[in-house]
Amino acid sequence: MNRFNLILFLIISIFIEVGAQDITPEMLGFSEYTLSNDGLGNVNYFISKSETTSQKPLLVYLDGSGPYPLFQKLEKGIGSTVVINFQELSKKYRILLISKPGIPFIDKVSKNENGFPMYEPTSEYIEKLSLDWRVNSANRVINHILENEIIKTEIVIAMGFSEGAQVVPKLASINKQIDAIMLFSGNGLTQLYDPLLSARINAAKGRLSEIEAQKQIDSLFKTYKEILKHPENTERKWYGHTYKRWASFAKNEPLKYLLQLNIPIYLVNGSLDENPVSSADYIQLEFIRHAKDNLTYKTYPNYSHQFNELSIENNQVVALIPKINEVMDEAFNWLQNKLEN
């Protein structure tokens, strides 16, 4: 599986010691809520509980792409698209999770012969999932929580991983109650640029001939024209996503929204995550060009999209060391410093 596919279908597993009984949000330390909206449908969201009555910052976590439940029942434990240590972080923050349309909080997820997670999307997910749905649902939930004092807080942080890192910049541009954002394995340009860049990189590295790379690129442009001719089509798919989903994200350039922000921004990528890191470098360049100093940008050499440290020989991974915990520790140290100053 190439790196482009990993960007689209990332899922990171954590394991929680629970019994064999049915698992509920309550058991994992979350209270469950539903916000109904004519355009969005039912938006199911979950807020971590607090053992104290003191105010804590609200941490809005937006996960990556795909129709996966936030938590998945696996053969050995529970997997999750929530890559943060939410149990530990809930001591300092009230954590907000939002399910995608028509997707349960937790459900059984199978894996194919390659160990890739498999989950059948619901009709609601297929019809509604788009950049606009993700941005607008998060925006409405944040406003609803604060306006109705579901929890009391004076600080809101939005955090996005992979696809979530595409969502957060636009969300922060329209929701002025967000005080800081953190982006992981995200890029600055439209996602449709990623496969084009990947083809050029593969040609430069000798993985493809120049002729093969150009054929790929010509084919991609043909596909893009079809996607953007049918931006509401939910029957036709490309790389597992509907044309509607692709068209909505194709029009999104996170860089445009990031440059509008004056709040603290933390942006992190792995150097081996070829597509995001290249356009993230461009974000850094544009912030320098525009004399903006609210971006903290960090690239981890030899780290992948999932923040695994890789050793590669002859284009093959020969060793892998998970580093996600260290990456998150550094990120939250940065956040704590910002909150204290």
C-alpha atoms as a PDB file:
ATOM      1  CA  MET A   1       0.000   0.000   0.000  1.00  0.00           C
ATOM      2  CA  ASN A   2       1.479   3.367  -0.972  1.00  0.00           C
ATOM      3  CA  ARG A   3       1.656   6.422   1.226  1.00  0.00           C
ATOM      4  CA  PHE A   4      -1.270   8.080  -0.515  1.00  0.00           C
ATOM      5  CA  ASN A   5      -3.563   5.247   0.543  1.00  0.00           C
ATOM      6  CA  LEU A   6      -2.309   5.498   4.106  1.00  0.00           C
ATOM      7  CA  ILE A   7      -3.315   9.142   4.189  1.00  0.00           C
ATOM      8  CA  LEU A   8      -6.838   8.204   3.249  1.00  0.00           C
ATOM      9  CA  PHE A   9      -7.409   5.189   5.420  1.00  0.00           C
ATOM     10  CA  LEU A  10      -5.253   5.679   8.481  1.00  0.00           C
ATOM     11  CA  ILE A  11      -6.387   3.903  11.613  1.00  0.00           C
ATOM     12  CA  ILE A  12      -4.222   3.582  14.711  1.00  0.00           C
ATOM     13  CA  SER A  13      -5.051   1.001  17.328  1.00  0.00           C
ATOM     14  CA  ILE A  14      -4.849   1.477  21.066  1.00  0.00           C
ATOM     15  CA  PHE A  15      -5.855  -1.105  23.587  1.00  0.00           C
ATOM     16  CA  ILE A  16      -7.975  -0.625  26.665  1.00  0.00           C
ATOM     17  CA  GLU A  17      -8.563  -3.152  29.366  1.00  0.00           C
ATOM     18  CA  VAL A  18     -12.306  -3.731  29.500  1.00  0.00           C
ATOM     19  CA  GLY A  19     -14.486  -6.739  30.038  1.00  0.00           C
ATOM     20  CA  ALA A  20     -16.173  -8.807  27.374  1.00  0.00           C
ATOM     21  CA  GLN A  21     -19.536  -7.052  27.819  1.00  0.00           C
ATOM     22  CA  ASP A  22     -20.907  -4.478  25.402  1.00  0.00           C
ATOM     23  CA  ILE A  23     -18.871  -1.308  25.624  1.00  0.00           C
ATOM     24  CA  THR A  24     -20.579   2.063  25.993  1.00  0.00           C
ATOM     25  CA  PRO A  25     -19.270   5.646  25.875  1.00  0.00           C
ATOM     26  CA  GLU A  26     -19.883   5.731  29.622  1.00  0.00           C
ATOM     27  CA  MET A  27     -17.475   2.850  30.165  1.00  0.00           C
ATOM     28  CA  LEU A  28     -14.751   4.716  28.301  1.00  0.00           C
ATOM     29  CA  GLY A  29     -15.324   7.877  30.300  1.00  0.00           C
ATOM     30  CA  PHE A  30     -17.551   9.851  27.920  1.00  0.00           C
ATOM     31  CA  SER A  31     -21.021  11.351  28.182  1.00  0.00           C
ATOM     32  CA  GLU A  32     -23.110  11.007  25.025  1.00  0.00           C
ATOM     33  CA  TYR A  33     -25.094  13.816  23.376  1.00  0.00           C
ATOM     34  CA  THR A  34     -27.023  14.343  20.144  1.00  0.00           C
ATOM     35  CA  LEU A  35     -27.554  17.599  18.288  1.00  0.00           C
ATOM     36  CA  SER A  36     -30.290  17.520  15.632  1.00  0.00           C
ATOM     37  CA  ASN A  37     -30.103  19.789  12.608  1.00  0.00           C
ATOM     38  CA  ASP A  38     -32.178  19.832   9.413  1.00  0.00           C
ATOM     39  CA  GLY A  39     -29.157  20.015   7.143  1.00  0.00           C
ATOM     40  CA  LEU A  40     -26.744  17.844   9.120  1.00  0.00           C
ATOM     41  CA  GLY A  41     -29.139  15.269  10.568  1.00  0.00           C
ATOM     42  CA  ASN A  42     -28.273  13.863  13.986  1.00  0.00           C
ATOM     43  CA  VAL A  43     -24.769  14.780  15.096  1.00  0.00           C
ATOM     44  CA  ASN A  44     -23.622  12.446  17.857  1.00  0.00           C
ATOM     45  CA  TYR A  45     -20.889  13.818  20.059  1.00  0.00           C
ATOM     46  CA  PHE A  46     -19.141  12.744  23.220  1.00  0.00           C
ATOM     47  CA  ILE A  47     -17.501  14.718  26.019  1.00  0.00           C
ATOM     48  CA  SER A  48     -15.071  13.233  28.496  1.00  0.00           C
ATOM     49  CA  LYS A  49     -16.203  13.341  32.099  1.00  0.00           C
ATOM     50  CA  SER A  50     -14.437  15.316  34.779  1.00  0.00           C
ATOM     51  CA  GLU A  51     -13.771  14.288  38.342  1.00  0.00           C
ATOM     52  CA  THR A  52     -13.619  17.941  39.417  1.00  0.00           C
ATOM     53  CA  THR A  53     -15.917  20.930  38.984  1.00  0.00           C
ATOM     54  CA  SER A  54     -13.058  23.217  38.014  1.00  0.00           C
ATOM     55  CA  GLN A  55     -13.009  24.582  34.486  1.00  0.00           C
ATOM     56  CA  LYS A  56     -10.833  22.838  31.924  1.00  0.00           C
ATOM     57  CA  PRO A  57     -10.043  23.698  28.291  1.00  0.00           C
ATOM     58  CA  LEU A  58     -12.229  21.992  25.695  1.00  0.00           C
ATOM     59  CA  LEU A  59     -10.114  19.844  23.355  1.00  0.00           C
ATOM     60  CA  VAL A  60     -11.945  19.158  20.083  1.00  0.00           C
ATOM     61  CA  TYR A  61     -10.475  16.076  18.409  1.00  0.00           C
ATOM     62  CA  LEU A  62     -11.235  15.419  14.716  1.00  0.00           C
ATOM     63  CA  ASP A  63     -10.019  12.070  13.416  1.00  0.00           C
ATOM     64  CA  GLY A  64      -8.922  10.922   9.963  1.00  0.00           C
ATOM     65  CA  SER A  65     -10.858   9.671   6.974  1.00  0.00           C
ATOM     66  CA  GLY A  66     -13.058   6.652   6.428  1.00  0.00           C
ATOM     67  CA  PRO A  67     -16.362   5.352   7.803  1.00  0.00           C
ATOM     68  CA  TYR A  68     -14.827   3.887  10.930  1.00  0.00           C
ATOM     69  CA  PRO A  69     -16.385   4.114  14.389  1.00  0.00           C
ATOM     70  CA  LEU A  70     -14.369   6.153  16.858  1.00  0.00           C
ATOM     71  CA  PHE A  71     -13.717   2.890  18.689  1.00  0.00           C
ATOM     72  CA  GLN A  72     -13.611  -0.582  17.159  1.00  0.00           C
ATOM     73  CA  LYS A  73     -14.031  -4.007  18.647  1.00  0.00           C
ATOM     74  CA  LEU A  74     -11.115  -6.111  17.420  1.00  0.00           C
ATOM     75  CA  GLU A  75     -10.090  -9.697  18.041  1.00  0.00           C
ATOM     76  CA  LYS A  76      -7.612  -8.486  20.646  1.00  0.00           C
ATOM     77  CA  GLY A  77      -8.912  -5.467  22.516  1.00  0.00           C
ATOM     78  CA  ILE A  78     -10.256  -2.189  21.195  1.00  0.00           C
ATOM     79  CA  GLY A  79      -8.909  -0.144  18.317  1.00  0.00           C
ATOM     80  CA  SER A  80      -9.490   3.552  17.836  1.00  0.00           C
ATOM     81  CA  THR A  81      -9.113   6.418  15.396  1.00  0.00           C
ATOM     82  CA  VAL A  82      -8.490   8.574  18.480  1.00  0.00           C
ATOM     83  CA  VAL A  83      -4.690   8.655  18.597  1.00  0.00           C
ATOM     84  CA  ILE A  84      -4.355  10.720  21.764  1.00  0.00           C
ATOM     85  CA  ASN A  85      -4.166   9.222  25.243  1.00  0.00           C
ATOM     86  CA  PHE A  86      -7.660  10.468  26.063  1.00  0.00           C
ATOM     87  CA  GLN A  87      -7.737   8.782  29.451  1.00  0.00           C
ATOM     88  CA  GLU A  88      -4.675  10.697  30.643  1.00  0.00           C
ATOM     89  CA  LEU A  89      -5.528  13.948  28.861  1.00  0.00           C
ATOM     90  CA  SER A  90      -9.019  14.009  30.349  1.00  0.00           C
ATOM     91  CA  LYS A  91      -7.372  14.970  33.649  1.00  0.00           C
ATOM     92  CA  LYS A  92      -6.465  18.352  32.126  1.00  0.00           C
ATOM     93  CA  TYR A  93      -8.990  18.773  29.301  1.00  0.00           C
ATOM     94  CA  ARG A  94     -12.606  18.083  28.474  1.00  0.00           C
ATOM     95  CA  ILE A  95     -12.241  16.069  25.270  1.00  0.00           C
ATOM     96  CA  LEU A  96     -14.861  16.361  22.542  1.00  0.00           C
ATOM     97  CA  LEU A  97     -15.264  13.568  19.967  1.00  0.00           C
ATOM     98  CA  ILE A  98     -17.729  13.737  17.068  1.00  0.00           C
ATOM     99  CA  SER A  99     -18.960  10.672  15.174  1.00  0.00           C
ATOM    100  CA  LYS A 100     -19.247  10.837  11.413  1.00  0.00           C
ATOM    101  CA  PRO A 101     -22.797  10.778   9.978  1.00  0.00           C
ATOM    102  CA  GLY A 102     -24.545   7.465  10.546  1.00  0.00           C
ATOM    103  CA  ILE A 103     -21.503   5.859  12.192  1.00  0.00           C
ATOM    104  CA  PRO A 104     -21.764   4.430  15.724  1.00  0.00           C
ATOM    105  CA  PHE A 105     -19.439   5.319  18.579  1.00  0.00           C
ATOM    106  CA  ILE A 106     -18.194   1.741  18.723  1.00  0.00           C
ATOM    107  CA  ASP A 107     -18.741  -1.350  16.601  1.00  0.00           C
ATOM    108  CA  LYS A 108     -17.030  -4.512  15.460  1.00  0.00           C
ATOM    109  CA  VAL A 109     -14.468  -3.971  12.688  1.00  0.00           C
ATOM    110  CA  SER A 110     -12.915  -6.774  10.673  1.00  0.00           C
ATOM    111  CA  LYS A 111      -9.605  -6.833   8.823  1.00  0.00           C
ATOM    112  CA  ASN A 112      -8.689  -8.140   5.387  1.00  0.00           C
ATOM    113  CA  GLU A 113      -5.797 -10.451   4.595  1.00  0.00           C
ATOM    114  CA  ASN A 114      -3.383  -7.497   4.679  1.00  0.00           C
ATOM    115  CA  GLY A 115      -4.525  -6.427   8.141  1.00  0.00           C
ATOM    116  CA  PHE A 116      -6.393  -3.442   6.747  1.00  0.00           C
ATOM    117  CA  PRO A 117      -9.560  -2.458   8.663  1.00  0.00           C
ATOM    118  CA  MET A 118     -12.863  -3.154   6.905  1.00  0.00           C
ATOM    119  CA  TYR A 119     -16.153  -1.509   7.827  1.00  0.00           C
ATOM    120  CA  GLU A 120     -19.249  -1.100   5.667  1.00  0.00           C
ATOM    121  CA  PRO A 121     -20.353   2.565   5.486  1.00  0.00           C
ATOM    122  CA  THR A 122     -23.993   3.340   6.201  1.00  0.00           C
ATOM    123  CA  SER A 123     -26.235   5.007   3.620  1.00  0.00           C
ATOM    124  CA  GLU A 124     -26.270   8.146   5.784  1.00  0.00           C
ATOM    125  CA  TYR A 125     -22.492   8.305   5.765  1.00  0.00           C
ATOM    126  CA  ILE A 126     -22.373   7.884   1.985  1.00  0.00           C
ATOM    127  CA  GLU A 127     -24.961  10.602   1.394  1.00  0.00           C
ATOM    128  CA  LYS A 128     -23.689  13.178   3.886  1.00  0.00           C
ATOM    129  CA  LEU A 129     -19.957  12.842   4.405  1.00  0.00           C
ATOM    130  CA  SER A 130     -18.121  15.873   3.047  1.00  0.00           C
ATOM    131  CA  LEU A 131     -15.786  18.605   4.184  1.00  0.00           C
ATOM    132  CA  ASP A 132     -18.786  20.850   4.761  1.00  0.00           C
ATOM    133  CA  TRP A 133     -20.488  18.250   6.976  1.00  0.00           C
ATOM    134  CA  ARG A 134     -17.388  17.820   9.107  1.00  0.00           C
ATOM    135  CA  VAL A 135     -16.752  21.559   9.441  1.00  0.00           C
ATOM    136  CA  ASN A 136     -20.372  22.542  10.072  1.00  0.00           C
ATOM    137  CA  SER A 137     -21.106  19.719  12.512  1.00  0.00           C
ATOM    138  CA  ALA A 138     -18.041  20.587  14.613  1.00  0.00           C
ATOM    139  CA  ASN A 139     -18.858  24.295  14.469  1.00  0.00           C
ATOM    140  CA  ARG A 140     -22.440  23.774  15.620  1.00  0.00           C
ATOM    141  CA  VAL A 141     -21.465  21.354  18.379  1.00  0.00           C
ATOM    142  CA  ILE A 142     -18.829  23.725  19.784  1.00  0.00           C
ATOM    143  CA  ASN A 143     -21.271  26.637  19.760  1.00  0.00           C
ATOM    144  CA  HIS A 144     -24.033  24.518  21.299  1.00  0.00           C
ATOM    145  CA  ILE A 145     -21.760  23.342  24.130  1.00  0.00           C
ATOM    146  CA  LEU A 146     -20.635  26.858  24.977  1.00  0.00           C
ATOM    147  CA  GLU A 147     -23.980  28.622  24.545  1.00  0.00           C
ATOM    148  CA  ASN A 148     -25.841  26.069  26.659  1.00  0.00           C
ATOM    149  CA  GLU A 149     -23.007  25.650  29.163  1.00  0.00           C
ATOM    150  CA  ILE A 150     -23.002  21.885  28.751  1.00  0.00           C
ATOM    151  CA  ILE A 151     -19.543  22.322  30.182  1.00  0.00           C
ATOM    152  CA  LYS A 152     -18.038  25.543  31.488  1.00  0.00           C
ATOM    153  CA  THR A 153     -14.824  26.565  29.804  1.00  0.00           C
ATOM    154  CA  GLU A 154     -13.069  29.659  28.566  1.00  0.00           C
ATOM    155  CA  ILE A 155     -10.590  27.959  26.222  1.00  0.00           C
ATOM    156  CA  VAL A 156     -11.198  25.870  23.090  1.00  0.00           C
ATOM    157  CA  ILE A 157      -8.484  23.963  21.231  1.00  0.00           C
ATOM    158  CA  ALA A 158      -9.153  22.155  17.950  1.00  0.00           C
ATOM    159  CA  MET A 159      -6.951  19.234  16.963  1.00  0.00           C
ATOM    160  CA  GLY A 160      -7.009  17.348  13.653  1.00  0.00           C
ATOM    161  CA  PHE A 161      -5.226  14.226  12.468  1.00  0.00           C
ATOM    162  CA  SER A 162      -4.841  13.374   8.742  1.00  0.00           C
ATOM    163  CA  GLU A 163      -8.220  14.261   7.173  1.00  0.00           C
ATOM    164  CA  GLY A 164      -9.063  16.013  10.429  1.00  0.00           C
ATOM    165  CA  ALA A 165      -6.072  18.279   9.809  1.00  0.00           C
ATOM    166  CA  GLN A 166      -7.773  19.345   6.562  1.00  0.00           C
ATOM    167  CA  VAL A 167     -10.971  20.138   8.458  1.00  0.00           C
ATOM    168  CA  VAL A 168      -9.594  22.136  11.401  1.00  0.00           C
ATOM    169  CA  PRO A 169      -8.170  25.153   9.501  1.00  0.00           C
ATOM    170  CA  LYS A 170     -11.529  25.937   7.883  1.00  0.00           C
ATOM    171  CA  LEU A 171     -13.324  25.263  11.176  1.00  0.00           C
ATOM    172  CA  ALA A 172     -11.053  27.717  13.008  1.00  0.00           C
ATOM    173  CA  SER A 173     -11.599  30.349  10.320  1.00  0.00           C
ATOM    174  CA  ILE A 174     -15.368  30.408  10.992  1.00  0.00           C
ATOM    175  CA  ASN A 175     -15.469  29.655  14.719  1.00  0.00           C
ATOM    176  CA  LYS A 176     -13.845  32.551  16.527  1.00  0.00           C
ATOM    177  CA  GLN A 177     -14.156  30.817  19.899  1.00  0.00           C
ATOM    178  CA  ILE A 178     -11.252  28.510  19.017  1.00  0.00           C
ATOM    179  CA  ASP A 179      -8.092  29.702  20.779  1.00  0.00           C
ATOM    180  CA  ALA A 180      -5.441  27.394  19.271  1.00  0.00           C
ATOM    181  CA  ILE A 181      -5.174  24.549  16.781  1.00  0.00           C
ATOM    182  CA  MET A 182      -2.928  21.508  16.405  1.00  0.00           C
ATOM    183  CA  LEU A 183      -2.527  19.693  13.085  1.00  0.00           C
ATOM    184  CA  PHE A 184      -0.925  16.287  12.560  1.00  0.00           C
ATOM    185  CA  SER A 185      -0.073  14.621   9.224  1.00  0.00           C
ATOM    186  CA  GLY A 186      -1.916  17.304   7.327  1.00  0.00           C
ATOM    187  CA  ASN A 187      -1.062  19.354   4.277  1.00  0.00           C
ATOM    188  CA  GLY A 188      -1.508  22.869   2.989  1.00  0.00           C
ATOM    189  CA  LEU A 189      -2.845  22.325  -0.507  1.00  0.00           C
ATOM    190  CA  THR A 190      -5.836  20.513  -1.965  1.00  0.00           C
ATOM    191  CA  GLN A 191      -5.698  16.746  -1.484  1.00  0.00           C
ATOM    192  CA  LEU A 192      -5.939  16.298  -5.250  1.00  0.00           C
ATOM    193  CA  TYR A 193      -2.408  17.633  -5.517  1.00  0.00           C
ATOM    194  CA  ASP A 194      -1.037  14.771  -3.412  1.00  0.00           C
ATOM    195  CA  PRO A 195      -1.208  11.987  -6.067  1.00  0.00           C
ATOM    196  CA  LEU A 196       0.309  14.304  -8.688  1.00  0.00           C
ATOM    197  CA  LEU A 197       3.211  15.090  -6.406  1.00  0.00           C
ATOM    198  CA  SER A 198       3.557  11.411  -5.518  1.00  0.00           C
ATOM    199  CA  ALA A 199       3.915  10.448  -9.181  1.00  0.00           C
ATOM    200  CA  ARG A 200       6.648  13.050  -9.706  1.00  0.00           C
ATOM    201  CA  ILE A 201       8.487  11.915  -6.549  1.00  0.00           C
ATOM    202  CA  ASN A 202       8.301   8.267  -7.617  1.00  0.00           C
ATOM    203  CA  ALA A 203       9.746   9.161 -11.006  1.00  0.00           C
ATOM    204  CA  ALA A 204      12.529  11.211  -9.423  1.00  0.00           C
ATOM    205  CA  LYS A 205      13.409   8.308  -7.118  1.00  0.00           C
ATOM    206  CA  GLY A 206      13.384   5.783  -9.949  1.00  0.00           C
ATOM    207  CA  ARG A 207      10.314   3.931  -8.732  1.00  0.00           C
ATOM    208  CA  LEU A 208       8.569   4.845 -11.982  1.00  0.00           C
ATOM    209  CA  SER A 209       9.856   5.810 -15.399  1.00  0.00           C
ATOM    210  CA  GLU A 210       9.068   9.322 -16.574  1.00  0.00           C
ATOM    211  CA  ILE A 211       6.667   7.826 -19.123  1.00  0.00           C
ATOM    212  CA  GLU A 212       4.844   5.795 -16.451  1.00  0.00           C
ATOM    213  CA  ALA A 213       4.621   8.806 -14.150  1.00  0.00           C
ATOM    214  CA  GLN A 214       3.196  10.985 -16.905  1.00  0.00           C
ATOM    215  CA  LYS A 215       0.585   8.349 -17.736  1.00  0.00           C
ATOM    216  CA  GLN A 216      -0.460   8.339 -14.079  1.00  0.00           C
ATOM    217  CA  ILE A 217      -0.681  12.109 -14.020  1.00  0.00           C
ATOM    218  CA  ASP A 218      -2.704  12.281 -17.243  1.00  0.00           C
ATOM    219  CA  SER A 219      -5.073   9.661 -15.813  1.00  0.00           C
ATOM    220  CA  LEU A 220      -5.404  11.628 -12.568  1.00  0.00           C
ATOM    221  CA  PHE A 221      -6.353  14.818 -14.392  1.00  0.00           C
ATOM    222  CA  LYS A 222      -8.999  12.888 -16.319  1.00  0.00           C
ATOM    223  CA  THR A 223     -10.409  11.534 -13.051  1.00  0.00           C
ATOM    224  CA  TYR A 224     -10.373  14.959 -11.412  1.00  0.00           C
ATOM    225  CA  LYS A 225     -12.385  16.451 -14.256  1.00  0.00           C
ATOM    226  CA  GLU A 226     -15.010  13.733 -13.781  1.00  0.00           C
ATOM    227  CA  ILE A 227     -15.137  14.245 -10.011  1.00  0.00           C
ATOM    228  CA  LEU A 228     -15.607  17.987 -10.320  1.00  0.00           C
ATOM    229  CA  LYS A 229     -18.213  17.594 -13.051  1.00  0.00           C
ATOM    230  CA  HIS A 230     -20.272  15.530 -10.589  1.00  0.00           C
ATOM    231  CA  PRO A 231     -19.576  17.136  -7.179  1.00  0.00           C
ATOM    232  CA  GLU A 232     -22.749  15.772  -5.541  1.00  0.00           C
ATOM    233  CA  ASN A 233     -22.504  12.224  -6.860  1.00  0.00           C
ATOM    234  CA  THR A 234     -22.510   9.635  -4.060  1.00  0.00           C
ATOM    235  CA  GLU A 235     -22.632   6.531  -6.254  1.00  0.00           C
ATOM    236  CA  ARG A 236     -19.342   6.930  -8.074  1.00  0.00           C
ATOM    237  CA  LYS A 237     -16.207   6.411  -5.988  1.00  0.00           C
ATOM    238  CA  TRP A 238     -12.469   6.879  -6.202  1.00  0.00           C
ATOM    239  CA  TYR A 239     -10.055   5.367  -3.681  1.00  0.00           C
ATOM    240  CA  GLY A 240     -12.960   4.305  -1.488  1.00  0.00           C
ATOM    241  CA  HIS A 241     -14.555   7.759  -1.216  1.00  0.00           C
ATOM    242  CA  THR A 242     -17.538   9.190  -3.069  1.00  0.00           C
ATOM    243  CA  TYR A 243     -17.154  11.896  -5.679  1.00  0.00           C
ATOM    244  CA  LYS A 244     -19.089  14.144  -3.288  1.00  0.00           C
ATOM    245  CA  ARG A 245     -16.509  13.658  -0.593  1.00  0.00           C
ATOM    246  CA  TRP A 246     -13.622  14.216  -3.002  1.00  0.00           C
ATOM    247  CA  ALA A 247     -15.145  17.296  -4.625  1.00  0.00           C
ATOM    248  CA  SER A 248     -15.728  18.951  -1.257  1.00  0.00           C
ATOM    249  CA  PHE A 249     -12.138  18.404  -0.130  1.00  0.00           C
ATOM    250  CA  ALA A 250     -10.749  19.262  -3.582  1.00  0.00           C
ATOM    251  CA  LYS A 251     -11.976  22.818  -3.127  1.00  0.00           C
ATOM    252  CA  ASN A 252     -10.273  23.072   0.248  1.00  0.00           C
ATOM    253  CA  GLU A 253      -6.830  24.626   0.637  1.00  0.00           C
ATOM    254  CA  PRO A 254      -5.946  24.638   4.345  1.00  0.00           C
ATOM    255  CA  LEU A 255      -3.186  27.175   3.717  1.00  0.00           C
ATOM    256  CA  LYS A 256      -5.744  29.821   2.739  1.00  0.00           C
ATOM    257  CA  TYR A 257      -7.526  29.483   6.079  1.00  0.00           C
ATOM    258  CA  LEU A 258      -4.337  29.151   8.111  1.00  0.00           C
ATOM    259  CA  LEU A 259      -3.063  32.472   6.823  1.00  0.00           C
ATOM    260  CA  GLN A 260      -6.276  34.105   8.065  1.00  0.00           C
ATOM    261  CA  LEU A 261      -5.664  32.944  11.636  1.00  0.00           C
ATOM    262  CA  ASN A 262      -3.826  34.858  14.342  1.00  0.00           C
ATOM    263  CA  ILE A 263      -4.194  32.184  17.014  1.00  0.00           C
ATOM    264  CA  PRO A 264      -1.327  29.771  17.862  1.00  0.00           C
ATOM    265  CA  ILE A 265      -0.931  26.963  15.293  1.00  0.00           C
ATOM    266  CA  TYR A 266       1.046  23.752  15.823  1.00  0.00           C
ATOM    267  CA  LEU A 267       1.764  21.759  12.656  1.00  0.00           C
ATOM    268  CA  VAL A 268       3.605  18.435  12.665  1.00  0.00           C
ATOM    269  CA  ASN A 269       4.545  15.940   9.943  1.00  0.00           C
ATOM    270  CA  GLY A 270       6.882  13.026   9.365  1.00  0.00           C
ATOM    271  CA  SER A 271       9.512  13.480   6.669  1.00  0.00           C
ATOM    272  CA  LEU A 272       8.614  10.139   5.071  1.00  0.00           C
ATOM    273  CA  ASP A 273       4.992  11.216   4.666  1.00  0.00           C
ATOM    274  CA  GLU A 274       5.924  12.595   1.258  1.00  0.00           C
ATOM    275  CA  ASN A 275       2.769  14.372   0.156  1.00  0.00           C
ATOM    276  CA  PRO A 276       1.731  16.239   3.322  1.00  0.00           C
ATOM    277  CA  VAL A 277       5.260  17.197   4.346  1.00  0.00           C
ATOM    278  CA  SER A 278       5.981  18.847   0.993  1.00  0.00           C
ATOM    279  CA  SER A 279       2.913  21.072   1.065  1.00  0.00           C
ATOM    280  CA  ALA A 280       3.393  21.646   4.804  1.00  0.00           C
ATOM    281  CA  ASP A 281       6.844  23.011   3.984  1.00  0.00           C
ATOM    282  CA  TYR A 282       5.010  25.418   1.711  1.00  0.00           C
ATOM    283  CA  ILE A 283       2.831  26.516   4.641  1.00  0.00           C
ATOM    284  CA  GLN A 284       5.962  27.417   6.575  1.00  0.00           C
ATOM    285  CA  LEU A 285       7.303  29.338   3.575  1.00  0.00           C
ATOM    286  CA  GLU A 286       4.070  31.323   3.183  1.00  0.00           C
ATOM    287  CA  PHE A 287       3.998  32.241   6.865  1.00  0.00           C
ATOM    288  CA  ILE A 288       7.541  33.565   6.511  1.00  0.00           C
ATOM    289  CA  ARG A 289       6.609  35.463   3.351  1.00  0.00           C
ATOM    290  CA  HIS A 290       3.605  37.033   5.058  1.00  0.00           C
ATOM    291  CA  ALA A 291       5.635  37.870   8.196  1.00  0.00           C
ATOM    292  CA  LYS A 292       3.318  35.812  10.421  1.00  0.00           C
ATOM    293  CA  ASP A 293       4.833  34.315  13.569  1.00  0.00           C
ATOM    294  CA  ASN A 294       1.935  32.289  15.007  1.00  0.00           C
ATOM    295  CA  LEU A 295       2.986  28.989  13.398  1.00  0.00           C
ATOM    296  CA  THR A 296       5.103  26.356  15.122  1.00  0.00           C
ATOM    297  CA  TYR A 297       6.135  23.831  12.471  1.00  0.00           C
ATOM    298  CA  LYS A 298       7.985  20.590  13.201  1.00  0.00           C
ATOM    299  CA  THR A 299       9.053  17.766  10.914  1.00  0.00           C
ATOM    300  CA  TYR A 300      10.317  14.466  12.323  1.00  0.00           C
ATOM    301  CA  PRO A 301      13.007  12.904  10.075  1.00  0.00           C
ATOM    302  CA  ASN A 302      12.313   9.290   9.055  1.00  0.00           C
ATOM    303  CA  TYR A 303       8.793   9.319  10.542  1.00  0.00           C
ATOM    304  CA  SER A 304       5.771   8.066   8.617  1.00  0.00           C
ATOM    305  CA  HIS A 305       2.209   9.352   8.335  1.00  0.00           C
ATOM    306  CA  GLN A 306       1.395   7.476  11.547  1.00  0.00           C
ATOM    307  CA  PHE A 307       4.561   8.787  13.248  1.00  0.00           C
ATOM    308  CA  ASN A 308       6.377   5.494  13.140  1.00  0.00           C
ATOM    309  CA  GLU A 309      10.145   5.835  12.833  1.00  0.00           C
ATOM    310  CA  LEU A 310      11.123   3.765   9.801  1.00  0.00           C
ATOM    311  CA  SER A 311      14.377   2.217   8.651  1.00  0.00           C
ATOM    312  CA  ILE A 312      14.263   1.693   4.889  1.00  0.00           C
ATOM    313  CA  GLU A 313      16.570  -0.361   2.707  1.00  0.00           C
ATOM    314  CA  ASN A 314      16.047  -0.802  -1.046  1.00  0.00           C
ATOM    315  CA  ASN A 315      12.646   0.909  -0.785  1.00  0.00           C
ATOM    316  CA  GLN A 316      11.529  -1.637   1.830  1.00  0.00           C
ATOM    317  CA  VAL A 317      10.753  -0.987   5.503  1.00  0.00           C
ATOM    318  CA  VAL A 318      13.098  -3.179   7.543  1.00  0.00           C
ATOM    319  CA  ALA A 319      12.357  -1.728  11.001  1.00  0.00           C
ATOM    320  CA  LEU A 320       9.511   0.244  12.549  1.00  0.00           C
ATOM    321  CA  ILE A 321       9.397   1.972  15.930  1.00  0.00           C
ATOM    322  CA  PRO A 322       6.119   3.636  17.024  1.00  0.00           C
ATOM    323  CA  LYS A 323       6.748   7.232  18.091  1.00  0.00           C
ATOM    324  CA  ILE A 324       3.198   8.575  18.281  1.00  0.00           C
ATOM    325  CA  ASN A 325       3.317   8.946  22.083  1.00  0.00           C
ATOM    326  CA  GLU A 326       6.481  11.033  21.991  1.00  0.00           C
ATOM    327  CA  VAL A 327       5.054  13.214  19.213  1.00  0.00           C
ATOM    328  CA  MET A 328       1.883  13.831  21.210  1.00  0.00           C
ATOM    329  CA  ASP A 329       3.837  14.542  24.394  1.00  0.00           C
ATOM    330  CA  GLU A 330       5.796  17.281  22.614  1.00  0.00           C
ATOM    331  CA  ALA A 331       2.608  18.704  21.139  1.00  0.00           C
ATOM    332  CA  PHE A 332       0.837  18.949  24.463  1.00  0.00           C
ATOM    333  CA  ASN A 333       3.917  20.404  26.115  1.00  0.00           C
ATOM    334  CA  TRP A 334       3.737  23.148  23.462  1.00  0.00           C
ATOM    335  CA  LEU A 335       0.028  23.611  24.158  1.00  0.00           C
ATOM    336  CA  GLN A 336       0.508  23.796  27.909  1.00  0.00           C
ATOM    337  CA  ASN A 337       3.174  26.429  27.431  1.00  0.00           C
ATOM    338  CA  LYS A 338       0.820  28.487  25.265  1.00  0.00           C
ATOM    339  CA  LEU A 339      -1.986  28.191  27.797  1.00  0.00           C
ATOM    340  CA  GLU A 340       0.270  29.336  30.621  1.00  0.00           C
ATOM    341  CA  ASN A 341       1.658  32.372  28.755  1.00  0.00           C
END
